[in-house]
Amino acid sequence: MIKIYVQELATYNNAISVGRWIEVSEFDSELESLFEEATEALKEHGYYYGVDTEEYEIVDWECAVDIDLSSYYENIETLKRVNELLSDLDSNEIDKLGFLIDEGYSISDINSDTIESVYSYQNWDDAIEEFVELFLELSGVERVYNYLDFSKIQRDLEICKYALTWTDARMRTWTRKY
């Protein structure tokens, strides 16, 4: 699911620039091939001094799903962990993983239990109804719901960039996304 652009540094420093897009799951096997190609390129251009290439830099990334990896993409071990998580998740769980990453959770701390502890709703109406029940303490007073316009509440919360976030069954908070 995650692809990275790997640049070999010896060729880059000699203005030859050998690099390629590599699937994270194939990184270890493809890196050796990249080094061999880079060493051959140095030999062809007269920059080979008896030492094979061995340094690289990850300079870009692509992900098949909408998750921001900009703070992780240079760390191959972290990318391997994210790729492993993504391969085991459905679309709803991928959204939860993206939320946890956006909230600053460490990839090493995220597992299936962490993802399951994030609650999400399929529609705003259910979320807003629970918000009203929990935070306005109106349970048992059904007549009040006749006066509430859930679509306007949703609109106002979205305009203010609020999202309902739950990290476990005891902690329910409305947080503002910046």
C-alpha atoms as a PDB file:
ATOM      1  CA  MET A   1       0.000   0.000   0.000  1.00  0.00           C
ATOM      2  CA  ILE A   2       2.871   2.388   0.675  1.00  0.00           C
ATOM      3  CA  LYS A   3       5.469   3.232  -1.947  1.00  0.00           C
ATOM      4  CA  ILE A   4       8.597   5.249  -1.304  1.00  0.00           C
ATOM      5  CA  TYR A   5      11.088   6.899  -3.615  1.00  0.00           C
ATOM      6  CA  VAL A   6      14.579   5.797  -2.589  1.00  0.00           C
ATOM      7  CA  GLN A   7      17.546   7.830  -3.809  1.00  0.00           C
ATOM      8  CA  GLU A   8      21.033   6.319  -3.722  1.00  0.00           C
ATOM      9  CA  LEU A   9      23.320   9.023  -2.350  1.00  0.00           C
ATOM     10  CA  ALA A  10      26.702   8.358  -4.026  1.00  0.00           C
ATOM     11  CA  THR A  11      25.151   8.698  -7.469  1.00  0.00           C
ATOM     12  CA  TYR A  12      23.155  11.714  -6.341  1.00  0.00           C
ATOM     13  CA  ASN A  13      26.319  13.454  -5.124  1.00  0.00           C
ATOM     14  CA  ASN A  14      27.960  12.780  -8.502  1.00  0.00           C
ATOM     15  CA  ALA A  15      24.988  14.132 -10.503  1.00  0.00           C
ATOM     16  CA  ILE A  16      24.049  10.704 -11.885  1.00  0.00           C
ATOM     17  CA  SER A  17      21.056  10.198  -9.606  1.00  0.00           C
ATOM     18  CA  VAL A  18      19.964   6.566  -9.382  1.00  0.00           C
ATOM     19  CA  GLY A  19      16.689   6.084  -7.543  1.00  0.00           C
ATOM     20  CA  ARG A  20      13.344   4.333  -7.862  1.00  0.00           C
ATOM     21  CA  TRP A  21       9.903   3.835  -6.411  1.00  0.00           C
ATOM     22  CA  ILE A  22       9.813   0.797  -4.131  1.00  0.00           C
ATOM     23  CA  GLU A  23       6.913  -0.906  -2.355  1.00  0.00           C
ATOM     24  CA  VAL A  24       7.620  -0.806   1.391  1.00  0.00           C
ATOM     25  CA  SER A  25       6.879  -4.520   1.654  1.00  0.00           C
ATOM     26  CA  GLU A  26       9.671  -5.210  -0.892  1.00  0.00           C
ATOM     27  CA  PHE A  27      12.143  -2.683   0.488  1.00  0.00           C
ATOM     28  CA  ASP A  28      14.858  -5.051   1.739  1.00  0.00           C
ATOM     29  CA  SER A  29      15.120  -7.046  -1.497  1.00  0.00           C
ATOM     30  CA  GLU A  30      14.815  -4.003  -3.775  1.00  0.00           C
ATOM     31  CA  LEU A  31      17.401  -1.936  -1.877  1.00  0.00           C
ATOM     32  CA  GLU A  32      20.177  -4.381  -2.679  1.00  0.00           C
ATOM     33  CA  SER A  33      19.205  -4.235  -6.363  1.00  0.00           C
ATOM     34  CA  LEU A  34      19.253  -0.424  -6.228  1.00  0.00           C
ATOM     35  CA  PHE A  35      22.763  -0.449  -4.739  1.00  0.00           C
ATOM     36  CA  GLU A  36      23.999  -2.776  -7.502  1.00  0.00           C
ATOM     37  CA  GLU A  37      22.501  -0.512 -10.165  1.00  0.00           C
ATOM     38  CA  ALA A  38      24.054   2.562  -8.534  1.00  0.00           C
ATOM     39  CA  THR A  39      27.498   0.932  -8.338  1.00  0.00           C
ATOM     40  CA  GLU A  40      27.310   0.077 -12.051  1.00  0.00           C
ATOM     41  CA  ALA A  41      26.288   3.659 -12.847  1.00  0.00           C
ATOM     42  CA  LEU A  42      29.314   4.983 -10.919  1.00  0.00           C
ATOM     43  CA  LYS A  43      31.592   2.617 -12.854  1.00  0.00           C
ATOM     44  CA  GLU A  44      30.105   3.706 -16.206  1.00  0.00           C
ATOM     45  CA  HIS A  45      30.648   7.396 -15.433  1.00  0.00           C
ATOM     46  CA  GLY A  46      34.139   7.009 -13.956  1.00  0.00           C
ATOM     47  CA  TYR A  47      33.223   7.793 -10.336  1.00  0.00           C
ATOM     48  CA  TYR A  48      33.848   4.337  -8.885  1.00  0.00           C
ATOM     49  CA  TYR A  49      36.737   4.246  -6.405  1.00  0.00           C
ATOM     50  CA  GLY A  50      36.544   0.640  -5.233  1.00  0.00           C
ATOM     51  CA  VAL A  51      33.715   1.054  -2.715  1.00  0.00           C
ATOM     52  CA  ASP A  52      30.229  -0.183  -3.578  1.00  0.00           C
ATOM     53  CA  THR A  53      27.278   2.087  -2.869  1.00  0.00           C
ATOM     54  CA  GLU A  54      25.621   1.677   0.504  1.00  0.00           C
ATOM     55  CA  GLU A  55      23.753   4.856   1.437  1.00  0.00           C
ATOM     56  CA  TYR A  56      20.254   5.911   0.554  1.00  0.00           C
ATOM     57  CA  GLU A  57      17.633   8.465   1.440  1.00  0.00           C
ATOM     58  CA  ILE A  58      13.869   8.181   1.272  1.00  0.00           C
ATOM     59  CA  VAL A  59      12.812  11.377  -0.458  1.00  0.00           C
ATOM     60  CA  ASP A  60       9.102  10.881  -1.195  1.00  0.00           C
ATOM     61  CA  TRP A  61       6.142   8.625  -0.437  1.00  0.00           C
ATOM     62  CA  GLU A  62       2.766   7.590  -1.813  1.00  0.00           C
ATOM     63  CA  CYS A  63       0.016   5.783   0.027  1.00  0.00           C
ATOM     64  CA  ALA A  64      -2.992   4.034  -1.533  1.00  0.00           C
ATOM     65  CA  VAL A  65      -5.216   5.381   1.252  1.00  0.00           C
ATOM     66  CA  ASP A  66      -5.651   8.871   2.654  1.00  0.00           C
ATOM     67  CA  ILE A  67      -3.208   8.876   5.578  1.00  0.00           C
ATOM     68  CA  ASP A  68      -0.672  11.614   6.197  1.00  0.00           C
ATOM     69  CA  LEU A  69       2.757  10.009   6.551  1.00  0.00           C
ATOM     70  CA  SER A  70       4.753  13.206   6.128  1.00  0.00           C
ATOM     71  CA  SER A  71       6.279  12.978   9.609  1.00  0.00           C
ATOM     72  CA  TYR A  72       7.154   9.269   9.264  1.00  0.00           C
ATOM     73  CA  TYR A  73       8.181   8.706   5.668  1.00  0.00           C
ATOM     74  CA  GLU A  74      11.928   8.906   6.271  1.00  0.00           C
ATOM     75  CA  ASN A  75      11.911   6.041   8.789  1.00  0.00           C
ATOM     76  CA  ILE A  76      11.658   2.710   6.969  1.00  0.00           C
ATOM     77  CA  GLU A  77      10.882   0.680  10.105  1.00  0.00           C
ATOM     78  CA  THR A  78       7.941   2.936  10.919  1.00  0.00           C
ATOM     79  CA  LEU A  79       6.709   2.714   7.328  1.00  0.00           C
ATOM     80  CA  LYS A  80       6.932  -1.074   7.458  1.00  0.00           C
ATOM     81  CA  ARG A  81       4.809  -1.052  10.633  1.00  0.00           C
ATOM     82  CA  VAL A  82       2.205   1.270   9.082  1.00  0.00           C
ATOM     83  CA  ASN A  83       2.144  -0.846   5.916  1.00  0.00           C
ATOM     84  CA  GLU A  84       1.617  -3.964   8.041  1.00  0.00           C
ATOM     85  CA  LEU A  85      -1.246  -2.296   9.902  1.00  0.00           C
ATOM     86  CA  LEU A  86      -2.864  -1.103   6.663  1.00  0.00           C
ATOM     87  CA  SER A  87      -2.817  -4.565   5.107  1.00  0.00           C
ATOM     88  CA  ASP A  88      -4.905  -5.941   8.001  1.00  0.00           C
ATOM     89  CA  LEU A  89      -7.515  -3.148   8.255  1.00  0.00           C
ATOM     90  CA  ASP A  90     -10.834  -2.415   6.579  1.00  0.00           C
ATOM     91  CA  SER A  91     -11.727   1.102   5.384  1.00  0.00           C
ATOM     92  CA  ASN A  92     -13.363   2.149   8.678  1.00  0.00           C
ATOM     93  CA  GLU A  93     -10.330   0.964  10.648  1.00  0.00           C
ATOM     94  CA  ILE A  94      -8.002   2.766   8.209  1.00  0.00           C
ATOM     95  CA  ASP A  95      -9.890   5.984   8.966  1.00  0.00           C
ATOM     96  CA  LYS A  96      -9.368   5.329  12.674  1.00  0.00           C
ATOM     97  CA  LEU A  97      -5.661   4.700  12.093  1.00  0.00           C
ATOM     98  CA  GLY A  98      -5.440   7.997  10.188  1.00  0.00           C
ATOM     99  CA  PHE A  99      -7.150   9.741  13.081  1.00  0.00           C
ATOM    100  CA  LEU A 100      -4.677   8.268  15.596  1.00  0.00           C
ATOM    101  CA  ILE A 101      -1.727   9.332  13.423  1.00  0.00           C
ATOM    102  CA  ASP A 102      -3.177  12.844  13.083  1.00  0.00           C
ATOM    103  CA  GLU A 103      -3.606  13.010  16.859  1.00  0.00           C
ATOM    104  CA  GLY A 104       0.101  12.271  17.327  1.00  0.00           C
ATOM    105  CA  TYR A 105       0.007   8.676  18.530  1.00  0.00           C
ATOM    106  CA  SER A 106       3.291   6.827  18.120  1.00  0.00           C
ATOM    107  CA  ILE A 107       3.114   4.103  15.484  1.00  0.00           C
ATOM    108  CA  SER A 108       4.726   1.671  17.906  1.00  0.00           C
ATOM    109  CA  ASP A 109       1.839   2.250  20.348  1.00  0.00           C
ATOM    110  CA  ILE A 110      -0.898   1.563  17.783  1.00  0.00           C
ATOM    111  CA  ASN A 111      -2.269  -1.957  17.574  1.00  0.00           C
ATOM    112  CA  SER A 112      -5.643  -3.567  16.868  1.00  0.00           C
ATOM    113  CA  ASP A 113      -6.850  -2.822  20.416  1.00  0.00           C
ATOM    114  CA  THR A 114      -5.928   0.851  20.078  1.00  0.00           C
ATOM    115  CA  ILE A 115      -7.792   1.070  16.783  1.00  0.00           C
ATOM    116  CA  GLU A 116     -10.858  -0.689  18.246  1.00  0.00           C
ATOM    117  CA  SER A 117     -10.907   1.800  21.128  1.00  0.00           C
ATOM    118  CA  VAL A 118     -11.624   4.662  18.706  1.00  0.00           C
ATOM    119  CA  TYR A 119     -15.349   5.037  18.158  1.00  0.00           C
ATOM    120  CA  SER A 120     -16.777   6.445  14.988  1.00  0.00           C
ATOM    121  CA  TYR A 121     -20.225   7.000  13.573  1.00  0.00           C
ATOM    122  CA  GLN A 122     -21.551   6.286  10.124  1.00  0.00           C
ATOM    123  CA  ASN A 123     -23.534   9.534  10.176  1.00  0.00           C
ATOM    124  CA  TRP A 124     -23.616  12.775  12.078  1.00  0.00           C
ATOM    125  CA  ASP A 125     -27.186  12.324  13.329  1.00  0.00           C
ATOM    126  CA  ASP A 126     -26.211   9.449  15.606  1.00  0.00           C
ATOM    127  CA  ALA A 127     -23.171  11.320  16.885  1.00  0.00           C
ATOM    128  CA  ILE A 128     -25.091  14.517  17.572  1.00  0.00           C
ATOM    129  CA  GLU A 129     -27.916  12.673  19.295  1.00  0.00           C
ATOM    130  CA  GLU A 130     -25.409  11.036  21.623  1.00  0.00           C
ATOM    131  CA  PHE A 131     -23.675  14.397  22.109  1.00  0.00           C
ATOM    132  CA  VAL A 132     -26.967  15.955  23.183  1.00  0.00           C
ATOM    133  CA  GLU A 133     -27.752  13.057  25.522  1.00  0.00           C
ATOM    134  CA  LEU A 134     -24.313  12.978  27.133  1.00  0.00           C
ATOM    135  CA  PHE A 135     -23.402  16.626  27.392  1.00  0.00           C
ATOM    136  CA  LEU A 136     -26.735  18.386  27.689  1.00  0.00           C
ATOM    137  CA  GLU A 137     -28.137  15.723  30.037  1.00  0.00           C
ATOM    138  CA  LEU A 138     -31.520  15.643  28.339  1.00  0.00           C
ATOM    139  CA  SER A 139     -32.180  11.908  28.487  1.00  0.00           C
ATOM    140  CA  GLY A 140     -35.765  11.101  29.292  1.00  0.00           C
ATOM    141  CA  VAL A 141     -37.016  14.448  27.969  1.00  0.00           C
ATOM    142  CA  GLU A 142     -37.981  13.381  24.461  1.00  0.00           C
ATOM    143  CA  ARG A 143     -39.994  16.555  23.781  1.00  0.00           C
ATOM    144  CA  VAL A 144     -36.744  18.574  23.668  1.00  0.00           C
ATOM    145  CA  TYR A 145     -35.708  16.736  20.501  1.00  0.00           C
ATOM    146  CA  ASN A 146     -38.589  18.416  18.660  1.00  0.00           C
ATOM    147  CA  TYR A 147     -36.724  21.719  19.028  1.00  0.00           C
ATOM    148  CA  LEU A 148     -33.302  20.500  17.932  1.00  0.00           C
ATOM    149  CA  ASP A 149     -32.173  20.737  14.342  1.00  0.00           C
ATOM    150  CA  PHE A 150     -29.441  18.130  14.040  1.00  0.00           C
ATOM    151  CA  SER A 151     -28.347  19.339  10.593  1.00  0.00           C
ATOM    152  CA  LYS A 152     -27.681  22.838  11.946  1.00  0.00           C
ATOM    153  CA  ILE A 153     -25.782  21.455  14.931  1.00  0.00           C
ATOM    154  CA  GLN A 154     -23.724  19.334  12.554  1.00  0.00           C
ATOM    155  CA  ARG A 155     -23.049  22.307  10.269  1.00  0.00           C
ATOM    156  CA  ASP A 156     -21.900  24.482  13.161  1.00  0.00           C
ATOM    157  CA  LEU A 157     -19.625  21.768  14.531  1.00  0.00           C
ATOM    158  CA  GLU A 158     -18.116  21.168  11.097  1.00  0.00           C
ATOM    159  CA  ILE A 159     -17.586  24.899  10.513  1.00  0.00           C
ATOM    160  CA  CYS A 160     -15.726  25.086  13.812  1.00  0.00           C
ATOM    161  CA  LYS A 161     -13.789  21.960  12.766  1.00  0.00           C
ATOM    162  CA  TYR A 162     -14.979  19.817  15.620  1.00  0.00           C
ATOM    163  CA  ALA A 163     -14.886  16.043  15.525  1.00  0.00           C
ATOM    164  CA  LEU A 164     -16.087  13.506  18.034  1.00  0.00           C
ATOM    165  CA  THR A 165     -13.129  11.537  19.320  1.00  0.00           C
ATOM    166  CA  TRP A 166     -13.183   8.656  21.714  1.00  0.00           C
ATOM    167  CA  THR A 167     -10.023   6.978  22.850  1.00  0.00           C
ATOM    168  CA  ASP A 168     -11.786   4.504  25.106  1.00  0.00           C
ATOM    169  CA  ALA A 169     -15.259   3.777  26.431  1.00  0.00           C
ATOM    170  CA  ARG A 170     -14.791   6.125  29.396  1.00  0.00           C
ATOM    171  CA  MET A 171     -13.349   9.133  27.576  1.00  0.00           C
ATOM    172  CA  ARG A 172     -15.701  10.849  25.159  1.00  0.00           C
ATOM    173  CA  THR A 173     -14.676  14.272  23.997  1.00  0.00           C
ATOM    174  CA  TRP A 174     -15.442  16.708  21.265  1.00  0.00           C
ATOM    175  CA  THR A 175     -12.138  18.007  20.023  1.00  0.00           C
ATOM    176  CA  ARG A 176     -11.426  20.836  17.698  1.00  0.00           C
ATOM    177  CA  LYS A 177      -9.302  19.989  14.678  1.00  0.00           C
ATOM    178  CA  TYR A 178      -7.061  22.815  13.549  1.00  0.00           C
END
